[in-house]
Amino acid sequence: MSTRLALTNRRQHITQKVRVAGRRMLYISVHDDEQPTEVFLRLKGFNCSSELIGLYDVMARLLSVTLQYGASLEKLGDLPAGAKFAPCGPVSGHDRIKQCSSLPDLIGRHLLVGYCGRVALAGLPPATYRAHLEARSSPLEVSP
């Protein structure tokens, strides 16, 4: 079993605020700009129920814990990227990603583009990106 990375009590983080389809706002905060080890997702907007807000909080916690146990950031970014459901559409507020097929797609692409050097994926239409992911698919790996 892997050992969980212990985080310091005081940490820096970077927050990216985006709007999807002109309505829903998503705040993506990632700790440590070199190799993220903690992710926070805050959802706001029209029709944001407590269930939806809670679901994204749980997603962030799962991403954080798996990163702290040594999972590949690239594999974790590939998992939600390409998911297709509402809300989706134009992205405003992000300097590189201008379109998403869902909020998880945006989160995965944000991690891949910003931290894994897959910058070319920022401009791909969601359908093309999904096909690219299917061609690359492989099981989640945890480093020893």
C-alpha atoms as a PDB file:
ATOM      1  CA  MET A   1       0.000   0.000   0.000  1.00  0.00           C
ATOM      2  CA  SER A   2       1.277   3.480  -0.848  1.00  0.00           C
ATOM      3  CA  THR A   3       1.937   6.108   1.767  1.00  0.00           C
ATOM      4  CA  ARG A   4      -0.167   9.266   1.708  1.00  0.00           C
ATOM      5  CA  LEU A   5       1.741  12.511   1.177  1.00  0.00           C
ATOM      6  CA  ALA A   6       1.475  14.726   4.272  1.00  0.00           C
ATOM      7  CA  LEU A   7       0.555  18.324   3.408  1.00  0.00           C
ATOM      8  CA  THR A   8       1.689  21.314   5.433  1.00  0.00           C
ATOM      9  CA  ASN A   9      -0.868  23.286   7.448  1.00  0.00           C
ATOM     10  CA  ARG A  10      -0.215  26.445   5.414  1.00  0.00           C
ATOM     11  CA  ARG A  11      -0.288  26.116   1.597  1.00  0.00           C
ATOM     12  CA  GLN A  12      -0.387  28.321  -1.478  1.00  0.00           C
ATOM     13  CA  HIS A  13      -2.939  27.678  -4.192  1.00  0.00           C
ATOM     14  CA  ILE A  14      -4.029  28.997  -7.573  1.00  0.00           C
ATOM     15  CA  THR A  15      -7.715  29.638  -8.299  1.00  0.00           C
ATOM     16  CA  GLN A  16      -9.212  29.668 -11.806  1.00  0.00           C
ATOM     17  CA  LYS A  17     -12.713  31.163 -12.071  1.00  0.00           C
ATOM     18  CA  VAL A  18     -14.678  30.229 -15.197  1.00  0.00           C
ATOM     19  CA  ARG A  19     -18.206  30.548 -16.511  1.00  0.00           C
ATOM     20  CA  VAL A  20     -19.767  27.800 -18.649  1.00  0.00           C
ATOM     21  CA  ALA A  21     -22.479  28.621 -21.196  1.00  0.00           C
ATOM     22  CA  GLY A  22     -22.731  32.093 -19.657  1.00  0.00           C
ATOM     23  CA  ARG A  23     -24.499  30.761 -16.565  1.00  0.00           C
ATOM     24  CA  ARG A  24     -22.663  28.468 -14.241  1.00  0.00           C
ATOM     25  CA  MET A  25     -19.499  29.515 -12.447  1.00  0.00           C
ATOM     26  CA  LEU A  26     -16.828  27.052 -11.401  1.00  0.00           C
ATOM     27  CA  TYR A  27     -13.854  27.891  -9.219  1.00  0.00           C
ATOM     28  CA  ILE A  28     -11.000  25.416  -9.646  1.00  0.00           C
ATOM     29  CA  SER A  29      -8.304  25.782  -6.991  1.00  0.00           C
ATOM     30  CA  VAL A  30      -5.163  23.676  -7.189  1.00  0.00           C
ATOM     31  CA  HIS A  31      -2.515  23.537  -4.470  1.00  0.00           C
ATOM     32  CA  ASP A  32       1.136  23.741  -5.552  1.00  0.00           C
ATOM     33  CA  ASP A  33       1.769  24.968  -9.076  1.00  0.00           C
ATOM     34  CA  GLU A  34       4.514  22.409  -9.790  1.00  0.00           C
ATOM     35  CA  GLN A  35       2.671  19.153  -9.073  1.00  0.00           C
ATOM     36  CA  PRO A  36      -0.870  19.565  -7.701  1.00  0.00           C
ATOM     37  CA  THR A  37      -1.660  17.551  -4.597  1.00  0.00           C
ATOM     38  CA  GLU A  38      -4.973  19.111  -3.581  1.00  0.00           C
ATOM     39  CA  VAL A  39      -7.972  20.221  -5.668  1.00  0.00           C
ATOM     40  CA  PHE A  40     -10.938  22.367  -4.598  1.00  0.00           C
ATOM     41  CA  LEU A  41     -14.060  22.830  -6.733  1.00  0.00           C
ATOM     42  CA  ARG A  42     -16.651  25.459  -5.874  1.00  0.00           C
ATOM     43  CA  LEU A  43     -19.803  25.600  -7.971  1.00  0.00           C
ATOM     44  CA  LYS A  44     -22.184  28.579  -8.163  1.00  0.00           C
ATOM     45  CA  GLY A  45     -24.970  29.634 -10.452  1.00  0.00           C
ATOM     46  CA  PHE A  46     -28.557  29.191 -11.500  1.00  0.00           C
ATOM     47  CA  ASN A  47     -30.095  25.863 -10.371  1.00  0.00           C
ATOM     48  CA  CYS A  48     -27.052  24.790  -8.331  1.00  0.00           C
ATOM     49  CA  SER A  49     -28.643  22.454  -5.805  1.00  0.00           C
ATOM     50  CA  SER A  50     -26.937  21.363  -2.610  1.00  0.00           C
ATOM     51  CA  GLU A  51     -26.668  17.873  -4.133  1.00  0.00           C
ATOM     52  CA  LEU A  52     -24.768  19.182  -7.161  1.00  0.00           C
ATOM     53  CA  ILE A  53     -22.493  21.355  -5.016  1.00  0.00           C
ATOM     54  CA  GLY A  54     -21.831  18.371  -2.733  1.00  0.00           C
ATOM     55  CA  LEU A  55     -21.080  16.092  -5.685  1.00  0.00           C
ATOM     56  CA  TYR A  56     -18.336  18.419  -6.958  1.00  0.00           C
ATOM     57  CA  ASP A  57     -16.934  18.756  -3.433  1.00  0.00           C
ATOM     58  CA  VAL A  58     -16.680  14.955  -3.222  1.00  0.00           C
ATOM     59  CA  MET A  59     -15.054  14.837  -6.690  1.00  0.00           C
ATOM     60  CA  ALA A  60     -12.423  17.328  -5.504  1.00  0.00           C
ATOM     61  CA  ARG A  61     -11.735  15.326  -2.350  1.00  0.00           C
ATOM     62  CA  LEU A  62     -11.332  12.114  -4.356  1.00  0.00           C
ATOM     63  CA  LEU A  63      -8.933  13.824  -6.779  1.00  0.00           C
ATOM     64  CA  SER A  64      -6.941  15.223  -3.846  1.00  0.00           C
ATOM     65  CA  VAL A  65      -6.615  11.951  -1.944  1.00  0.00           C
ATOM     66  CA  THR A  66      -5.652   9.954  -5.034  1.00  0.00           C
ATOM     67  CA  LEU A  67      -2.990  12.544  -5.918  1.00  0.00           C
ATOM     68  CA  GLN A  68      -1.655  12.410  -2.361  1.00  0.00           C
ATOM     69  CA  TYR A  69      -1.338   8.628  -2.677  1.00  0.00           C
ATOM     70  CA  GLY A  70       0.712   8.999  -5.853  1.00  0.00           C
ATOM     71  CA  ALA A  71      -1.795   8.566  -8.689  1.00  0.00           C
ATOM     72  CA  SER A  72      -0.780  10.022 -12.032  1.00  0.00           C
ATOM     73  CA  LEU A  73      -2.205  13.525 -12.554  1.00  0.00           C
ATOM     74  CA  GLU A  74      -2.399  12.796 -16.274  1.00  0.00           C
ATOM     75  CA  LYS A  75      -4.510   9.669 -15.695  1.00  0.00           C
ATOM     76  CA  LEU A  76      -6.781  11.563 -13.286  1.00  0.00           C
ATOM     77  CA  GLY A  77      -7.190  14.378 -15.819  1.00  0.00           C
ATOM     78  CA  ASP A  78      -8.042  11.901 -18.576  1.00  0.00           C
ATOM     79  CA  LEU A  79     -10.832  10.258 -16.528  1.00  0.00           C
ATOM     80  CA  PRO A  80     -13.336  13.185 -16.389  1.00  0.00           C
ATOM     81  CA  ALA A  81     -12.158  14.813 -19.623  1.00  0.00           C
ATOM     82  CA  GLY A  82     -14.471  14.076 -22.503  1.00  0.00           C
ATOM     83  CA  ALA A  83     -17.584  13.476 -20.359  1.00  0.00           C
ATOM     84  CA  LYS A  84     -20.631  14.896 -22.125  1.00  0.00           C
ATOM     85  CA  PHE A  85     -23.701  16.333 -20.349  1.00  0.00           C
ATOM     86  CA  ALA A  86     -25.178  19.694 -19.359  1.00  0.00           C
ATOM     87  CA  PRO A  87     -24.051  22.274 -18.562  1.00  0.00           C
ATOM     88  CA  CYS A  88     -21.729  22.480 -21.532  1.00  0.00           C
ATOM     89  CA  GLY A  89     -20.731  24.986 -24.179  1.00  0.00           C
ATOM     90  CA  PRO A  90     -18.622  28.120 -24.336  1.00  0.00           C
ATOM     91  CA  VAL A  91     -16.149  28.720 -21.505  1.00  0.00           C
ATOM     92  CA  SER A  92     -15.326  32.276 -20.480  1.00  0.00           C
ATOM     93  CA  GLY A  93     -12.664  33.290 -17.997  1.00  0.00           C
ATOM     94  CA  HIS A  94     -10.109  30.629 -18.931  1.00  0.00           C
ATOM     95  CA  ASP A  95      -7.154  31.856 -20.959  1.00  0.00           C
ATOM     96  CA  ARG A  96      -6.794  28.627 -22.987  1.00  0.00           C
ATOM     97  CA  ILE A  97      -9.921  26.461 -22.821  1.00  0.00           C
ATOM     98  CA  LYS A  98     -12.834  28.036 -24.694  1.00  0.00           C
ATOM     99  CA  GLN A  99     -15.293  25.123 -25.004  1.00  0.00           C
ATOM    100  CA  CYS A 100     -16.295  22.155 -22.826  1.00  0.00           C
ATOM    101  CA  SER A 101     -18.683  19.220 -23.088  1.00  0.00           C
ATOM    102  CA  SER A 102     -19.410  19.209 -19.299  1.00  0.00           C
ATOM    103  CA  LEU A 103     -17.987  20.559 -16.048  1.00  0.00           C
ATOM    104  CA  PRO A 104     -15.956  17.345 -15.464  1.00  0.00           C
ATOM    105  CA  ASP A 105     -14.586  17.724 -19.022  1.00  0.00           C
ATOM    106  CA  LEU A 106     -13.478  21.253 -18.138  1.00  0.00           C
ATOM    107  CA  ILE A 107     -11.860  20.094 -14.879  1.00  0.00           C
ATOM    108  CA  GLY A 108      -9.948  17.265 -16.577  1.00  0.00           C
ATOM    109  CA  ARG A 109      -8.790  19.468 -19.445  1.00  0.00           C
ATOM    110  CA  HIS A 110      -7.767  22.239 -17.015  1.00  0.00           C
ATOM    111  CA  LEU A 111      -5.496  19.786 -15.174  1.00  0.00           C
ATOM    112  CA  LEU A 112      -4.068  18.286 -18.389  1.00  0.00           C
ATOM    113  CA  VAL A 113      -3.427  21.610 -20.119  1.00  0.00           C
ATOM    114  CA  GLY A 114      -2.162  23.469 -17.054  1.00  0.00           C
ATOM    115  CA  TYR A 115      -0.058  20.805 -15.362  1.00  0.00           C
ATOM    116  CA  CYS A 116       0.678  17.975 -17.815  1.00  0.00           C
ATOM    117  CA  GLY A 117       1.890  20.017 -20.762  1.00  0.00           C
ATOM    118  CA  ARG A 118      -0.931  18.892 -23.068  1.00  0.00           C
ATOM    119  CA  VAL A 119      -1.503  22.455 -24.266  1.00  0.00           C
ATOM    120  CA  ALA A 120      -2.714  21.422 -27.727  1.00  0.00           C
ATOM    121  CA  LEU A 121      -5.795  19.847 -26.118  1.00  0.00           C
ATOM    122  CA  ALA A 122      -7.079  23.228 -24.938  1.00  0.00           C
ATOM    123  CA  GLY A 123      -8.317  24.161 -28.381  1.00  0.00           C
ATOM    124  CA  LEU A 124      -9.749  20.799 -29.448  1.00  0.00           C
ATOM    125  CA  PRO A 125     -13.536  20.568 -29.825  1.00  0.00           C
ATOM    126  CA  PRO A 126     -14.995  18.235 -27.136  1.00  0.00           C
ATOM    127  CA  ALA A 127     -15.969  15.486 -29.652  1.00  0.00           C
ATOM    128  CA  THR A 128     -12.441  15.383 -31.102  1.00  0.00           C
ATOM    129  CA  TYR A 129     -11.005  15.345 -27.601  1.00  0.00           C
ATOM    130  CA  ARG A 130     -13.174  12.362 -26.577  1.00  0.00           C
ATOM    131  CA  ALA A 131     -11.912  10.384 -29.589  1.00  0.00           C
ATOM    132  CA  HIS A 132      -8.338  11.298 -28.626  1.00  0.00           C
ATOM    133  CA  LEU A 133      -8.949  10.041 -25.066  1.00  0.00           C
ATOM    134  CA  GLU A 134     -10.449   6.751 -26.237  1.00  0.00           C
ATOM    135  CA  ALA A 135      -7.351   6.108 -28.336  1.00  0.00           C
ATOM    136  CA  ARG A 136      -5.129   6.737 -25.269  1.00  0.00           C
ATOM    137  CA  SER A 137      -7.241   4.902 -22.680  1.00  0.00           C
ATOM    138  CA  SER A 138      -5.389   2.798 -20.149  1.00  0.00           C
ATOM    139  CA  PRO A 139      -6.027   1.823 -16.529  1.00  0.00           C
ATOM    140  CA  LEU A 140      -5.356   4.186 -13.648  1.00  0.00           C
ATOM    141  CA  GLU A 141      -1.832   3.665 -12.336  1.00  0.00           C
ATOM    142  CA  VAL A 142      -0.434   4.523  -8.923  1.00  0.00           C
ATOM    143  CA  SER A 143       3.310   4.967  -8.643  1.00  0.00           C
ATOM    144  CA  PRO A 144       5.068   2.794  -6.052  1.00  0.00           C
END
